[in-house]
């Protein structure tokens, strides 16, 4: 099984890398590697995520990776990674903005 990154998720990864790289390029590379490991795990077992009806009615699942949330959709195959964001964000507002674009 494989995954695809949405354009938004690809930009999220760039933003995460740039933010972390301000302090350490090696740490930024390691975090992006951890996230891609999570994408692979999600693709291999799409049901490992959690539906969060309290956060959104959108048909997405959530998978935590450290302080980040991988938000993905399994309504189509391959699995689509739709967003990667800090778990401390206002996730309902973030998703409303993301899906209204």
Protein backbone atom coordinates (compact mmCIF):
# COMPACT_ATOMS: atom_id res chain seq x y z
CA UNK A 1 0.00 0.00 0.00
CA UNK A 2 1.17 3.53 -0.69
CA UNK A 3 0.19 7.05 0.27
CA UNK A 4 -0.07 10.37 -1.52
CA UNK A 5 0.57 13.80 -0.06
CA UNK A 6 -1.91 16.54 -0.79
CA UNK A 7 -0.35 19.82 -1.93
CA UNK A 8 -1.30 21.28 1.45
CA UNK A 9 0.39 18.44 3.35
CA UNK A 10 3.51 18.89 1.24
CA UNK A 11 3.56 22.59 2.21
CA UNK A 12 2.99 21.61 5.85
CA UNK A 13 6.10 19.43 5.74
CA UNK A 14 8.13 22.25 4.19
CA UNK A 15 6.96 24.62 6.92
CA UNK A 16 7.76 22.10 9.67
CA UNK A 17 11.22 21.46 8.25
CA UNK A 18 12.00 25.17 7.93
CA UNK A 19 10.81 25.92 11.47
CA UNK A 20 12.87 23.15 13.06
CA UNK A 21 15.88 23.81 10.80
CA UNK A 22 16.18 27.32 12.25
CA UNK A 23 17.64 25.53 15.28
CA UNK A 24 19.02 22.35 13.72
CA UNK A 25 19.01 20.98 10.19
CA UNK A 26 19.75 17.50 11.52
CA UNK A 27 16.75 17.65 13.86
CA UNK A 28 14.55 18.89 11.00
CA UNK A 29 15.66 15.98 8.82
CA UNK A 30 15.00 13.52 11.65
CA UNK A 31 11.48 14.88 12.25
CA UNK A 32 10.58 14.69 8.58
CA UNK A 33 11.92 11.12 8.57
CA UNK A 34 9.70 10.26 11.55
CA UNK A 35 6.70 11.72 9.77
CA UNK A 36 7.40 9.74 6.60
CA UNK A 37 7.76 6.59 8.73
CA UNK A 38 4.29 7.37 10.10
CA UNK A 39 2.92 7.85 6.56
CA UNK A 40 4.28 4.41 5.64
CA UNK A 41 2.68 2.86 8.75
CA UNK A 42 -0.65 4.51 7.94
CA UNK A 43 -0.49 3.27 4.35
CA UNK A 44 0.22 -0.28 5.54
CA UNK A 45 -2.60 -0.22 8.11
CA UNK A 46 -5.01 2.61 7.26
CA UNK A 47 -7.30 1.88 10.20
CA UNK A 48 -4.64 2.74 12.80
CA UNK A 49 -5.87 6.30 13.03
CA UNK A 50 -8.63 7.72 15.16
CA UNK A 51 -11.83 9.35 14.01
CA UNK A 52 -12.53 12.44 16.08
CA UNK A 53 -16.18 13.40 15.73
CA UNK A 54 -15.62 15.92 18.53
CA UNK A 55 -13.15 17.79 16.27
CA UNK A 56 -14.63 17.44 12.79
CA UNK A 57 -17.29 15.82 10.69
CA UNK A 58 -14.88 15.59 7.74
CA UNK A 59 -14.08 11.98 6.79
CA UNK A 60 -10.52 12.03 8.12
CA UNK A 61 -8.51 10.09 10.66
CA UNK A 62 -5.82 11.35 13.02
CA UNK A 63 -2.50 9.76 13.93
CA UNK A 64 -0.21 11.44 16.49
CA UNK A 65 3.53 11.62 15.86
CA UNK A 66 5.20 13.37 18.77
CA UNK A 67 3.73 16.87 18.97
CA UNK A 68 2.27 16.60 15.46
CA UNK A 69 -0.96 15.20 14.07
CA UNK A 70 -1.06 13.46 10.73
CA UNK A 71 -4.53 13.95 9.29
CA UNK A 72 -5.44 11.57 6.51
CA UNK A 73 -8.27 10.25 4.39
CA UNK A 74 -8.86 6.62 3.49
CA UNK A 75 -11.97 7.16 1.38
CA UNK A 76 -9.76 6.69 -1.66
CA UNK A 77 -6.72 4.53 -2.23
CA UNK A 78 -3.92 5.17 -1.96
CA UNK A 79 -4.33 6.82 1.44
CA UNK A 80 -4.20 10.61 1.15
CA UNK A 81 -2.25 12.58 3.76
CA UNK A 82 -4.24 15.83 3.87
CA UNK A 83 -2.41 17.71 6.64
CA UNK A 84 0.38 17.59 9.17
CA UNK A 85 0.08 20.08 11.99
CA UNK A 86 0.90 20.78 15.62
CA UNK A 87 -1.50 18.92 17.87
CA UNK A 88 -1.83 22.01 20.09
CA UNK A 89 -3.56 23.99 17.34
CA UNK A 90 -7.27 24.70 17.22
CA UNK A 91 -7.88 21.64 15.03
CA UNK A 92 -11.56 22.34 14.18
CA UNK A 93 -10.69 25.86 12.96
CA UNK A 94 -7.61 24.56 11.12
CA UNK A 95 -9.66 21.94 9.28
CA UNK A 96 -12.44 24.39 8.40
CA UNK A 97 -9.83 26.66 6.80
CA UNK A 98 -8.06 23.76 5.12
CA UNK A 99 -11.19 22.22 3.59
CA UNK A 100 -12.76 25.51 2.54
CA UNK A 101 -9.86 26.41 0.25
